[in-house]
PDB file of N, CA and C in Angstrom:
ATOM      1  N   MET A   1       0.841  -1.179   0.000  1.00  0.00           N
ATOM      2  CA  MET A   1       0.000   0.000   0.000  1.00  0.00           C
ATOM      3  C   MET A   1       0.878   1.231   0.000  1.00  0.00           C
ATOM      4  N   SER A   2       0.389   2.229  -0.664  1.00  0.00           N
ATOM      5  CA  SER A   2       1.168   3.463  -0.703  1.00  0.00           C
ATOM      6  C   SER A   2       0.856   4.297   0.524  1.00  0.00           C
ATOM      7  N   LYS A   3       1.757   5.225   0.810  1.00  0.00           N
ATOM      8  CA  LYS A   3       1.585   6.121   1.960  1.00  0.00           C
ATOM      9  C   LYS A   3       0.308   6.932   1.827  1.00  0.00           C
ATOM     10  N   THR A   4      -0.040   7.357   0.631  1.00  0.00           N
ATOM     11  CA  THR A   4      -1.250   8.137   0.401  1.00  0.00           C
ATOM     12  C   THR A   4      -2.493   7.314   0.731  1.00  0.00           C
ATOM     13  N   SER A   5      -2.496   6.050   0.371  1.00  0.00           N
ATOM     14  CA  SER A   5      -3.630   5.168   0.632  1.00  0.00           C
ATOM     15  C   SER A   5      -3.806   4.957   2.141  1.00  0.00           C
ATOM     16  N   VAL A   6      -2.716   4.744   2.854  1.00  0.00           N
ATOM     17  CA  VAL A   6      -2.767   4.555   4.301  1.00  0.00           C
ATOM     18  C   VAL A   6      -3.267   5.826   4.977  1.00  0.00           C
ATOM     19  N   ASP A   7      -2.729   6.981   4.571  1.00  0.00           N
ATOM     20  CA  ASP A   7      -3.171   8.257   5.149  1.00  0.00           C
ATOM     21  C   ASP A   7      -4.651   8.501   4.869  1.00  0.00           C
ATOM     22  N   SER A   8      -5.099   8.144   3.674  1.00  0.00           N
ATOM     23  CA  SER A   8      -6.501   8.333   3.300  1.00  0.00           C
ATOM     24  C   SER A   8      -7.403   7.443   4.151  1.00  0.00           C
ATOM     25  N   ASN A   9      -7.004   6.186   4.344  1.00  0.00           N
ATOM     26  CA  ASN A   9      -7.792   5.262   5.172  1.00  0.00           C
ATOM     27  C   ASN A   9      -7.821   5.726   6.633  1.00  0.00           C
ATOM     28  N   ARG A  10      -6.709   6.153   7.135  1.00  0.00           N
ATOM     29  CA  ARG A  10      -6.624   6.638   8.517  1.00  0.00           C
ATOM     30  C   ARG A  10      -7.525   7.854   8.700  1.00  0.00           C
ATOM     31  N   ARG A  11      -7.504   8.744   7.721  1.00  0.00           N
ATOM     32  CA  ARG A  11      -8.324   9.951   7.785  1.00  0.00           C
ATOM     33  C   ARG A  11      -9.811   9.583   7.823  1.00  0.00           C
ATOM     34  N   ARG A  12     -10.236   8.612   6.992  1.00  0.00           N
ATOM     35  CA  ARG A  12     -11.641   8.187   6.980  1.00  0.00           C
ATOM     36  C   ARG A  12     -12.051   7.570   8.316  1.00  0.00           C
ATOM     37  N   VAL A  13     -11.187   6.757   8.888  1.00  0.00           N
ATOM     38  CA  VAL A  13     -11.479   6.136  10.186  1.00  0.00           C
ATOM     39  C   VAL A  13     -11.603   7.206  11.263  1.00  0.00           C
ATOM     40  N   LEU A  14     -10.685   8.154  11.284  1.00  0.00           N
ATOM     41  CA  LEU A  14     -10.741   9.220  12.278  1.00  0.00           C
ATOM     42  C   LEU A  14     -11.977  10.092  12.092  1.00  0.00           C
ATOM     43  N   GLN A  15     -12.334  10.394  10.865  1.00  0.00           N
ATOM     44  CA  GLN A  15     -13.537  11.184  10.614  1.00  0.00           C
ATOM     45  C   GLN A  15     -14.781  10.440  11.091  1.00  0.00           C
ATOM     46  N   GLY A  16     -14.815   9.147  10.858  1.00  0.00           N
ATOM     47  CA  GLY A  16     -15.948   8.335  11.321  1.00  0.00           C
ATOM     48  C   GLY A  16     -16.034   8.328  12.838  1.00  0.00           C
ATOM     49  N   ALA A  17     -14.895   8.198  13.507  1.00  0.00           N
ATOM     50  CA  ALA A  17     -14.884   8.196  14.973  1.00  0.00           C
ATOM     51  C   ALA A  17     -15.362   9.533  15.524  1.00  0.00           C
ATOM     52  N   VAL A  18     -14.904  10.613  14.917  1.00  0.00           N
ATOM     53  CA  VAL A  18     -15.332  11.957  15.353  1.00  0.00           C
ATOM     54  C   VAL A  18     -16.831  12.110  15.143  1.00  0.00           C
ATOM     55  N   ALA A  19     -17.346  11.628  14.019  1.00  0.00           N
ATOM     56  CA  ALA A  19     -18.780  11.734  13.740  1.00  0.00           C
ATOM     57  C   ALA A  19     -19.602  10.966  14.774  1.00  0.00           C
ATOM     58  N   VAL A  20     -19.141   9.782  15.152  1.00  0.00           N
ATOM     59  CA  VAL A  20     -19.853   8.982  16.157  1.00  0.00           C
ATOM     60  C   VAL A  20     -19.849   9.693  17.501  1.00  0.00           C
ATOM     61  N   VAL A  21     -18.693  10.170  17.921  1.00  0.00           N
ATOM     62  CA  VAL A  21     -18.594  10.866  19.210  1.00  0.00           C
ATOM     63  C   VAL A  21     -19.443  12.125  19.219  1.00  0.00           C
ATOM     64  N   ALA A  22     -19.441  12.864  18.127  1.00  0.00           N
ATOM     65  CA  ALA A  22     -20.218  14.104  18.041  1.00  0.00           C
ATOM     66  C   ALA A  22     -21.722  13.832  18.021  1.00  0.00           C
ATOM     67  N   SER A  23     -22.134  12.666  17.553  1.00  0.00           N
ATOM     68  CA  SER A  23     -23.562  12.374  17.448  1.00  0.00           C
ATOM     69  C   SER A  23     -24.184  11.918  18.771  1.00  0.00           C
ATOM     70  N   VAL A  24     -23.387  11.517  19.759  1.00  0.00           N
ATOM     71  CA  VAL A  24     -23.930  11.029  21.028  1.00  0.00           C
ATOM     72  C   VAL A  24     -24.783  12.089  21.733  1.00  0.00           C
ATOM     73  N   PRO A  25     -24.296  13.327  21.931  1.00  0.00           N
ATOM     74  CA  PRO A  25     -25.159  14.322  22.577  1.00  0.00           C
ATOM     75  C   PRO A  25     -26.432  14.605  21.775  1.00  0.00           C
ATOM     76  N   LEU A  26     -26.325  14.613  20.469  1.00  0.00           N
ATOM     77  CA  LEU A  26     -27.490  14.845  19.629  1.00  0.00           C
ATOM     78  C   LEU A  26     -28.500  13.711  19.792  1.00  0.00           C
ATOM     79  N   ALA A  27     -28.036  12.497  19.849  1.00  0.00           N
ATOM     80  CA  ALA A  27     -28.928  11.352  20.033  1.00  0.00           C
ATOM     81  C   ALA A  27     -29.641  11.434  21.377  1.00  0.00           C
ATOM     82  N   ARG A  28     -28.929  11.854  22.422  1.00  0.00           N
ATOM     83  CA  ARG A  28     -29.561  11.999  23.738  1.00  0.00           C
ATOM     84  C   ARG A  28     -30.643  13.071  23.699  1.00  0.00           C
ATOM     85  N   LEU A  29     -30.384  14.154  22.986  1.00  0.00           N
ATOM     86  CA  LEU A  29     -31.345  15.247  22.881  1.00  0.00           C
ATOM     87  C   LEU A  29     -32.596  14.775  22.150  1.00  0.00           C
ATOM     88  N   ILE A  30     -32.410  14.029  21.081  1.00  0.00           N
ATOM     89  CA  ILE A  30     -33.531  13.533  20.294  1.00  0.00           C
ATOM     90  C   ILE A  30     -34.304  12.463  21.058  1.00  0.00           C
ATOM     91  N   ALA A  31     -33.602  11.632  21.826  1.00  0.00           N
ATOM     92  CA  ALA A  31     -34.237  10.518  22.529  1.00  0.00           C
ATOM     93  C   ALA A  31     -35.256  10.986  23.555  1.00  0.00           C
ATOM     94  N   GLY A  32     -35.070  12.139  24.128  1.00  0.00           N
ATOM     95  CA  GLY A  32     -36.033  12.618  25.103  1.00  0.00           C
ATOM     96  C   GLY A  32     -35.390  13.503  26.141  1.00  0.00           C
ATOM     97  N   THR A  33     -36.236  14.140  26.910  1.00  0.00           N
ATOM     98  CA  THR A  33     -35.762  15.027  27.955  1.00  0.00           C
ATOM     99  C   THR A  33     -35.598  14.246  29.249  1.00  0.00           C
ATOM    100  N   PRO A  34     -34.803  14.764  30.183  1.00  0.00           N
ATOM    101  CA  PRO A  34     -34.656  14.069  31.447  1.00  0.00           C
ATOM    102  C   PRO A  34     -35.984  14.021  32.205  1.00  0.00           C
ATOM    103  N   ALA A  35     -36.095  13.092  33.118  1.00  0.00           N
ATOM    104  CA  ALA A  35     -37.325  12.930  33.890  1.00  0.00           C
ATOM    105  C   ALA A  35     -37.615  14.174  34.723  1.00  0.00           C
ATOM    106  N   GLN A  36     -38.866  14.529  34.788  1.00  0.00           N
ATOM    107  CA  GLN A  36     -39.304  15.637  35.622  1.00  0.00           C
ATOM    108  C   GLN A  36     -39.596  15.091  37.014  1.00  0.00           C
ATOM    109  N   ALA A  37     -39.706  15.977  37.994  1.00  0.00           N
ATOM    110  CA  ALA A  37     -39.914  15.552  39.374  1.00  0.00           C
ATOM    111  C   ALA A  37     -41.175  14.721  39.528  1.00  0.00           C
ATOM    112  N   GLY A  38     -42.227  15.047  38.786  1.00  0.00           N
ATOM    113  CA  GLY A  38     -43.459  14.284  38.871  1.00  0.00           C
ATOM    114  C   GLY A  38     -43.278  12.839  38.428  1.00  0.00           C
ATOM    115  N   GLU A  39     -42.268  12.588  37.613  1.00  0.00           N
ATOM    116  CA  GLU A  39     -42.004  11.249  37.108  1.00  0.00           C
ATOM    117  C   GLU A  39     -41.030  10.493  38.002  1.00  0.00           C
ATOM    118  N   LEU A  40     -40.322  11.195  38.847  1.00  0.00           N
ATOM    119  CA  LEU A  40     -39.362  10.550  39.730  1.00  0.00           C
ATOM    120  C   LEU A  40     -40.085   9.851  40.873  1.00  0.00           C
ATOM    121  N   PRO A  41     -39.522   8.751  41.365  1.00  0.00           N
ATOM    122  CA  PRO A  41     -40.131   8.129  42.550  1.00  0.00           C
ATOM    123  C   PRO A  41     -39.994   9.057  43.750  1.00  0.00           C
ATOM    124  N   HIS A  42     -41.004   9.062  44.579  1.00  0.00           N
ATOM    125  CA  HIS A  42     -40.976   9.918  45.766  1.00  0.00           C
ATOM    126  C   HIS A  42     -40.058   9.314  46.828  1.00  0.00           C
ATOM    127  N   LEU A  43     -39.293  10.179  47.448  1.00  0.00           N
ATOM    128  CA  LEU A  43     -38.420   9.756  48.537  1.00  0.00           C
ATOM    129  C   LEU A  43     -39.291   9.367  49.721  1.00  0.00           C
ATOM    130  N   THR A  44     -38.984   8.227  50.318  1.00  0.00           N
ATOM    131  CA  THR A  44     -39.724   7.803  51.505  1.00  0.00           C
ATOM    132  C   THR A  44     -38.830   7.951  52.727  1.00  0.00           C
ATOM    133  N   MET A  45     -39.456   8.031  53.860  1.00  0.00           N
ATOM    134  CA  MET A  45     -38.690   8.179  55.097  1.00  0.00           C
ATOM    135  C   MET A  45     -37.989   6.876  55.474  1.00  0.00           C
ATOM    136  N   ASP A  46     -38.306   5.770  54.763  1.00  0.00           N
ATOM    137  CA  ASP A  46     -37.628   4.490  54.996  1.00  0.00           C
ATOM    138  C   ASP A  46     -36.300   4.388  54.251  1.00  0.00           C
ATOM    139  N   ASP A  47     -36.078   5.275  53.288  1.00  0.00           N
ATOM    140  CA  ASP A  47     -34.842   5.281  52.507  1.00  0.00           C
ATOM    141  C   ASP A  47     -33.659   5.479  53.455  1.00  0.00           C
ATOM    142  N   PRO A  48     -32.579   4.696  53.319  1.00  0.00           N
ATOM    143  CA  PRO A  48     -31.439   4.811  54.239  1.00  0.00           C
ATOM    144  C   PRO A  48     -30.825   6.221  54.286  1.00  0.00           C
ATOM    145  N   THR A  49     -30.706   6.872  53.128  1.00  0.00           N
ATOM    146  CA  THR A  49     -30.155   8.230  53.123  1.00  0.00           C
ATOM    147  C   THR A  49     -31.127   9.202  53.783  1.00  0.00           C
ATOM    148  N   ALA A  50     -32.426   9.009  53.533  1.00  0.00           N
ATOM    149  CA  ALA A  50     -33.438   9.859  54.165  1.00  0.00           C
ATOM    150  C   ALA A  50     -33.384   9.715  55.682  1.00  0.00           C
ATOM    151  N   LYS A  51     -33.236   8.484  56.153  1.00  0.00           N
ATOM    152  CA  LYS A  51     -33.124   8.253  57.598  1.00  0.00           C
ATOM    153  C   LYS A  51     -31.891   8.939  58.166  1.00  0.00           C
ATOM    154  N   ALA A  52     -30.772   8.798  57.466  1.00  0.00           N
ATOM    155  CA  ALA A  52     -29.520   9.392  57.951  1.00  0.00           C
ATOM    156  C   ALA A  52     -29.605  10.907  58.030  1.00  0.00           C
ATOM    157  N   LEU A  53     -30.376  11.514  57.122  1.00  0.00           N
ATOM    158  CA  LEU A  53     -30.498  12.971  57.095  1.00  0.00           C
ATOM    159  C   LEU A  53     -31.794  13.465  57.737  1.00  0.00           C
ATOM    160  N   LYS A  54     -32.495  12.567  58.432  1.00  0.00           N
ATOM    161  CA  LYS A  54     -33.711  12.906  59.193  1.00  0.00           C
ATOM    162  C   LYS A  54     -34.791  13.537  58.317  1.00  0.00           C
ATOM    163  N   TYR A  55     -34.891  13.067  57.065  1.00  0.00           N
ATOM    164  CA  TYR A  55     -35.885  13.602  56.135  1.00  0.00           C
ATOM    165  C   TYR A  55     -37.297  13.297  56.618  1.00  0.00           C
ATOM    166  N   HIS A  56     -38.176  14.286  56.463  1.00  0.00           N
ATOM    167  CA  HIS A  56     -39.613  14.136  56.722  1.00  0.00           C
ATOM    168  C   HIS A  56     -40.373  14.762  55.563  1.00  0.00           C
ATOM    169  N   ASP A  57     -41.454  14.106  55.127  1.00  0.00           N
ATOM    170  CA  ASP A  57     -42.307  14.659  54.067  1.00  0.00           C
ATOM    171  C   ASP A  57     -42.983  15.938  54.528  1.00  0.00           C
ATOM    172  N   ASP A  58     -43.280  16.030  55.812  1.00  0.00           N
ATOM    173  CA  ASP A  58     -43.961  17.185  56.386  1.00  0.00           C
ATOM    174  C   ASP A  58     -43.035  17.824  57.409  1.00  0.00           C
ATOM    175  N   ALA A  59     -42.464  18.964  57.036  1.00  0.00           N
ATOM    176  CA  ALA A  59     -41.476  19.622  57.895  1.00  0.00           C
ATOM    177  C   ALA A  59     -42.040  19.994  59.257  1.00  0.00           C
ATOM    178  N   THR A  60     -43.333  20.284  59.313  1.00  0.00           N
ATOM    179  CA  THR A  60     -43.900  20.693  60.599  1.00  0.00           C
ATOM    180  C   THR A  60     -43.935  19.540  61.594  1.00  0.00           C
ATOM    181  N   ALA A  61     -43.867  18.302  61.104  1.00  0.00           N
ATOM    182  CA  ALA A  61     -43.861  17.132  61.984  1.00  0.00           C
ATOM    183  C   ALA A  61     -42.433  16.669  62.301  1.00  0.00           C
ATOM    184  N   ALA A  62     -41.450  17.278  61.682  1.00  0.00           N
ATOM    185  CA  ALA A  62     -40.055  16.866  61.877  1.00  0.00           C
ATOM    186  C   ALA A  62     -39.460  17.561  63.093  1.00  0.00           C
ATOM    187  N   PRO A  63     -38.646  16.862  63.859  1.00  0.00           N
ATOM    188  CA  PRO A  63     -37.950  17.506  64.983  1.00  0.00           C
ATOM    189  C   PRO A  63     -36.777  18.319  64.444  1.00  0.00           C
ATOM    190  N   ARG A  64     -37.079  19.474  63.848  1.00  0.00           N
ATOM    191  CA  ARG A  64     -36.078  20.264  63.139  1.00  0.00           C
ATOM    192  C   ARG A  64     -35.327  21.207  64.065  1.00  0.00           C
ATOM    193  N   VAL A  65     -34.026  21.193  63.926  1.00  0.00           N
ATOM    194  CA  VAL A  65     -33.175  22.198  64.572  1.00  0.00           C
ATOM    195  C   VAL A  65     -32.109  22.589  63.577  1.00  0.00           C
ATOM    196  N   ASP A  66     -31.719  23.855  63.595  1.00  0.00           N
ATOM    197  CA  ASP A  66     -30.677  24.289  62.665  1.00  0.00           C
ATOM    198  C   ASP A  66     -29.311  23.899  63.210  1.00  0.00           C
ATOM    199  N   ARG A  67     -28.277  24.278  62.521  1.00  0.00           N
ATOM    200  CA  ARG A  67     -26.916  23.883  62.920  1.00  0.00           C
ATOM    201  C   ARG A  67     -26.496  24.481  64.263  1.00  0.00           C
ATOM    202  N   ALA A  68     -27.171  25.539  64.672  1.00  0.00           N
ATOM    203  CA  ALA A  68     -26.863  26.162  65.966  1.00  0.00           C
ATOM    204  C   ALA A  68     -27.730  25.573  67.077  1.00  0.00           C
ATOM    205  N   GLY A  69     -28.560  24.574  66.736  1.00  0.00           N
ATOM    206  CA  GLY A  69     -29.411  23.943  67.732  1.00  0.00           C
ATOM    207  C   GLY A  69     -30.709  24.683  67.990  1.00  0.00           C
ATOM    208  N   MET A  70     -31.019  25.693  67.176  1.00  0.00           N
ATOM    209  CA  MET A  70     -32.243  26.475  67.338  1.00  0.00           C
ATOM    210  C   MET A  70     -33.360  25.851  66.493  1.00  0.00           C
ATOM    211  N   PRO A  71     -34.626  26.056  66.870  1.00  0.00           N
ATOM    212  CA  PRO A  71     -35.731  25.535  66.054  1.00  0.00           C
ATOM    213  C   PRO A  71     -35.644  26.062  64.622  1.00  0.00           C
ATOM    214  N   ALA A  72     -35.854  25.188  63.676  1.00  0.00           N
ATOM    215  CA  ALA A  72     -35.728  25.531  62.255  1.00  0.00           C
ATOM    216  C   ALA A  72     -37.109  25.732  61.639  1.00  0.00           C
ATOM    217  N   LYS A  73     -37.868  26.674  62.158  1.00  0.00           N
ATOM    218  CA  LYS A  73     -39.267  26.831  61.759  1.00  0.00           C
ATOM    219  C   LYS A  73     -39.467  27.311  60.328  1.00  0.00           C
ATOM    220  N   ASP A  74     -38.512  27.981  59.730  1.00  0.00           N
ATOM    221  CA  ASP A  74     -38.666  28.493  58.364  1.00  0.00           C
ATOM    222  C   ASP A  74     -37.914  27.658  57.330  1.00  0.00           C
ATOM    223  N   GLN A  75     -37.529  26.450  57.680  1.00  0.00           N
ATOM    224  CA  GLN A  75     -36.770  25.601  56.771  1.00  0.00           C
ATOM    225  C   GLN A  75     -37.678  24.550  56.146  1.00  0.00           C
ATOM    226  N   PHE A  76     -37.787  24.604  54.816  1.00  0.00           N
ATOM    227  CA  PHE A  76     -38.570  23.645  54.047  1.00  0.00           C
ATOM    228  C   PHE A  76     -37.767  23.296  52.795  1.00  0.00           C
ATOM    229  N   CYS A  77     -38.069  22.162  52.195  1.00  0.00           N
ATOM    230  CA  CYS A  77     -37.393  21.793  50.952  1.00  0.00           C
ATOM    231  C   CYS A  77     -37.588  22.863  49.881  1.00  0.00           C
ATOM    232  N   HIS A  78     -38.752  23.487  49.816  1.00  0.00           N
ATOM    233  CA  HIS A  78     -39.020  24.464  48.751  1.00  0.00           C
ATOM    234  C   HIS A  78     -38.154  25.718  48.866  1.00  0.00           C
ATOM    235  N   ASN A  79     -37.554  26.002  50.028  1.00  0.00           N
ATOM    236  CA  ASN A  79     -36.662  27.165  50.130  1.00  0.00           C
ATOM    237  C   ASN A  79     -35.223  26.746  50.447  1.00  0.00           C
ATOM    238  N   CYS A  80     -34.899  25.526  50.054  1.00  0.00           N
ATOM    239  CA  CYS A  80     -33.544  24.981  50.250  1.00  0.00           C
ATOM    240  C   CYS A  80     -32.717  25.182  48.977  1.00  0.00           C
ATOM    241  N   ASN A  81     -31.449  25.394  49.149  1.00  0.00           N
ATOM    242  CA  ASN A  81     -30.538  25.597  48.025  1.00  0.00           C
ATOM    243  C   ASN A  81     -30.374  24.337  47.169  1.00  0.00           C
ATOM    244  N   PHE A  82     -30.650  23.169  47.711  1.00  0.00           N
ATOM    245  CA  PHE A  82     -30.435  21.921  46.983  1.00  0.00           C
ATOM    246  C   PHE A  82     -31.614  21.505  46.107  1.00  0.00           C
ATOM    247  N   ILE A  83     -32.757  22.191  46.243  1.00  0.00           N
ATOM    248  CA  ILE A  83     -33.930  21.846  45.444  1.00  0.00           C
ATOM    249  C   ILE A  83     -33.656  22.238  43.991  1.00  0.00           C
ATOM    250  N   LYS A  84     -34.147  21.434  43.036  1.00  0.00           N
ATOM    251  CA  LYS A  84     -33.811  21.667  41.637  1.00  0.00           C
ATOM    252  C   LYS A  84     -34.986  22.117  40.787  1.00  0.00           C
ATOM    253  N   ALA A  85     -36.080  22.526  41.406  1.00  0.00           N
ATOM    254  CA  ALA A  85     -37.238  23.014  40.652  1.00  0.00           C
ATOM    255  C   ALA A  85     -37.919  24.109  41.457  1.00  0.00           C
ATOM    256  N   ASP A  86     -38.607  24.996  40.759  1.00  0.00           N
ATOM    257  CA  ASP A  86     -39.266  26.119  41.431  1.00  0.00           C
ATOM    258  C   ASP A  86     -40.743  25.884  41.698  1.00  0.00           C
ATOM    259  N   SER A  87     -41.299  24.798  41.190  1.00  0.00           N
ATOM    260  CA  SER A  87     -42.725  24.559  41.412  1.00  0.00           C
ATOM    261  C   SER A  87     -42.997  23.063  41.504  1.00  0.00           C
ATOM    262  N   GLY A  88     -44.161  22.760  42.015  1.00  0.00           N
ATOM    263  CA  GLY A  88     -44.586  21.374  42.141  1.00  0.00           C
ATOM    264  C   GLY A  88     -44.544  20.897  43.582  1.00  0.00           C
ATOM    265  N   GLU A  89     -45.447  19.966  43.896  1.00  0.00           N
ATOM    266  CA  GLU A  89     -45.488  19.418  45.254  1.00  0.00           C
ATOM    267  C   GLU A  89     -44.277  18.518  45.517  1.00  0.00           C
ATOM    268  N   TRP A  90     -43.859  17.758  44.510  1.00  0.00           N
ATOM    269  CA  TRP A  90     -42.685  16.892  44.610  1.00  0.00           C
ATOM    270  C   TRP A  90     -41.635  17.409  43.631  1.00  0.00           C
ATOM    271  N   ARG A  91     -40.421  17.599  44.137  1.00  0.00           N
ATOM    272  CA  ARG A  91     -39.363  18.213  43.327  1.00  0.00           C
ATOM    273  C   ARG A  91     -38.051  17.432  43.454  1.00  0.00           C
ATOM    274  N   PRO A  92     -37.235  17.443  42.381  1.00  0.00           N
ATOM    275  CA  PRO A  92     -35.933  16.787  42.463  1.00  0.00           C
ATOM    276  C   PRO A  92     -35.007  17.547  43.415  1.00  0.00           C
ATOM    277  N   CYS A  93     -34.123  16.812  44.061  1.00  0.00           N
ATOM    278  CA  CYS A  93     -33.194  17.398  45.032  1.00  0.00           C
ATOM    279  C   CYS A  93     -31.798  16.836  44.786  1.00  0.00           C
ATOM    280  N   GLN A  94     -30.794  17.696  44.876  1.00  0.00           N
ATOM    281  CA  GLN A  94     -29.410  17.264  44.663  1.00  0.00           C
ATOM    282  C   GLN A  94     -28.944  16.280  45.732  1.00  0.00           C
ATOM    283  N   ILE A  95     -29.489  16.361  46.920  1.00  0.00           N
ATOM    284  CA  ILE A  95     -29.079  15.480  48.013  1.00  0.00           C
ATOM    285  C   ILE A  95     -29.571  14.055  47.783  1.00  0.00           C
ATOM    286  N   PHE A  96     -30.730  13.923  47.141  1.00  0.00           N
ATOM    287  CA  PHE A  96     -31.339  12.615  46.900  1.00  0.00           C
ATOM    288  C   PHE A  96     -31.506  12.400  45.391  1.00  0.00           C
ATOM    289  N   PRO A  97     -30.415  12.146  44.667  1.00  0.00           N
ATOM    290  CA  PRO A  97     -30.508  12.008  43.203  1.00  0.00           C
ATOM    291  C   PRO A  97     -31.435  10.857  42.801  1.00  0.00           C
ATOM    292  N   GLY A  98     -32.242  11.137  41.772  1.00  0.00           N
ATOM    293  CA  GLY A  98     -33.155  10.115  41.263  1.00  0.00           C
ATOM    294  C   GLY A  98     -34.440  10.005  42.056  1.00  0.00           C
ATOM    295  N   LYS A  99     -34.626  10.845  43.056  1.00  0.00           N
ATOM    296  CA  LYS A  99     -35.838  10.822  43.873  1.00  0.00           C
ATOM    297  C   LYS A  99     -36.397  12.244  43.946  1.00  0.00           C
ATOM    298  N   ALA A 100     -37.687  12.331  44.199  1.00  0.00           N
ATOM    299  CA  ALA A 100     -38.338  13.626  44.383  1.00  0.00           C
ATOM    300  C   ALA A 100     -38.690  13.786  45.855  1.00  0.00           C
ATOM    301  N   VAL A 101     -38.462  14.981  46.376  1.00  0.00           N
ATOM    302  CA  VAL A 101     -38.788  15.276  47.772  1.00  0.00           C
ATOM    303  C   VAL A 101     -40.038  16.151  47.820  1.00  0.00           C
ATOM    304  N   ASN A 102     -40.746  16.095  48.931  1.00  0.00           N
ATOM    305  CA  ASN A 102     -41.925  16.925  49.100  1.00  0.00           C
ATOM    306  C   ASN A 102     -41.486  18.364  49.310  1.00  0.00           C
ATOM    307  N   ALA A 103     -42.110  19.298  48.620  1.00  0.00           N
ATOM    308  CA  ALA A 103     -41.742  20.715  48.726  1.00  0.00           C
ATOM    309  C   ALA A 103     -41.880  21.224  50.156  1.00  0.00           C
ATOM    310  N   ASN A 104     -42.778  20.625  50.919  1.00  0.00           N
ATOM    311  CA  ASN A 104     -42.977  21.035  52.308  1.00  0.00           C
ATOM    312  C   ASN A 104     -42.241  20.124  53.285  1.00  0.00           C
ATOM    313  N   GLY A 105     -41.300  19.356  52.766  1.00  0.00           N
ATOM    314  CA  GLY A 105     -40.506  18.474  53.606  1.00  0.00           C
ATOM    315  C   GLY A 105     -39.297  19.189  54.184  1.00  0.00           C
ATOM    316  N   TRP A 106     -38.445  18.408  54.848  1.00  0.00           N
ATOM    317  CA  TRP A 106     -37.234  18.966  55.469  1.00  0.00           C
ATOM    318  C   TRP A 106     -36.239  17.833  55.691  1.00  0.00           C
ATOM    319  N   CYS A 107     -34.929  18.161  55.617  1.00  0.00           N
ATOM    320  CA  CYS A 107     -33.886  17.221  56.035  1.00  0.00           C
ATOM    321  C   CYS A 107     -32.753  18.011  56.676  1.00  0.00           C
ATOM    322  N   ALA A 108     -31.887  17.311  57.341  1.00  0.00           N
ATOM    323  CA  ALA A 108     -30.792  17.953  58.084  1.00  0.00           C
ATOM    324  C   ALA A 108     -29.776  18.645  57.183  1.00  0.00           C
ATOM    325  N   SER A 109     -29.836  18.419  55.873  1.00  0.00           N
ATOM    326  CA  SER A 109     -28.903  19.076  54.948  1.00  0.00           C
ATOM    327  C   SER A 109     -29.434  20.407  54.449  1.00  0.00           C
ATOM    328  N   TRP A 110     -30.567  20.861  54.978  1.00  0.00           N
ATOM    329  CA  TRP A 110     -31.170  22.102  54.503  1.00  0.00           C
ATOM    330  C   TRP A 110     -30.154  23.231  54.519  1.00  0.00           C
ATOM    331  N   SER A 111     -30.146  24.003  53.437  1.00  0.00           N
ATOM    332  CA  SER A 111     -29.258  25.161  53.286  1.00  0.00           C
ATOM    333  C   SER A 111     -30.054  26.268  52.610  1.00  0.00           C
ATOM    334  N   LYS A 112     -29.989  27.464  53.114  1.00  0.00           N
ATOM    335  CA  LYS A 112     -30.777  28.578  52.591  1.00  0.00           C
ATOM    336  C   LYS A 112     -30.552  28.769  51.092  1.00  0.00           C
ATOM    337  N   LYS A 113     -31.670  28.909  50.351  1.00  0.00           N
ATOM    338  CA  LYS A 113     -31.616  29.108  48.908  1.00  0.00           C
ATOM    339  C   LYS A 113     -30.915  30.423  48.597  1.00  0.00           C
ATOM    340  N   MET A 114     -29.992  30.368  47.679  1.00  0.00           N
ATOM    341  CA  MET A 114     -29.246  31.552  47.267  1.00  0.00           C
ATOM    342  C   MET A 114     -29.994  32.235  46.135  1.00  0.00           C
ATOM    343  N   GLY A 115     -30.184  33.534  46.264  1.00  0.00           N
ATOM    344  CA  GLY A 115     -30.801  34.319  45.192  1.00  0.00           C
ATOM    345  C   GLY A 115     -32.217  34.143  45.099  1.00  0.00           C
TER     346      GLY A 115
END
C-alpha cells in the first residue's frame, strides 16, 4: 500500500470516529428530555439516606433544629438551596438524586436558597 492510501484510510477512520462521538449528545437530545420531578419516585422516610439525614415529608412534623441547635421553623425543601425546581409538590433534590422530595418536607442538609 502506498503512503497516500494509508493516510486516506486513517483519515476516513478518524472522521468516522469523530462523527460517532459528536452524534452522542445529539442522540440523547432527540431521545427525550430528562425525567421531571413528577415522574421521579418519591423519597420515603424508609430510605437509608433519608433516615440518615432525618428527612420528613412534612417539615412541621419533623424535629427540626438548625446547625446552631435552634428551632428551624422556616426551613422547608421548597426554600432549600439543593432543590432543583421552582414549582410542584414533589421536586428533584441534589441530596437525593433520582428521587423527588416533598416541597414542604425537610432534612438535616437544609441550606438557605441563594438568590
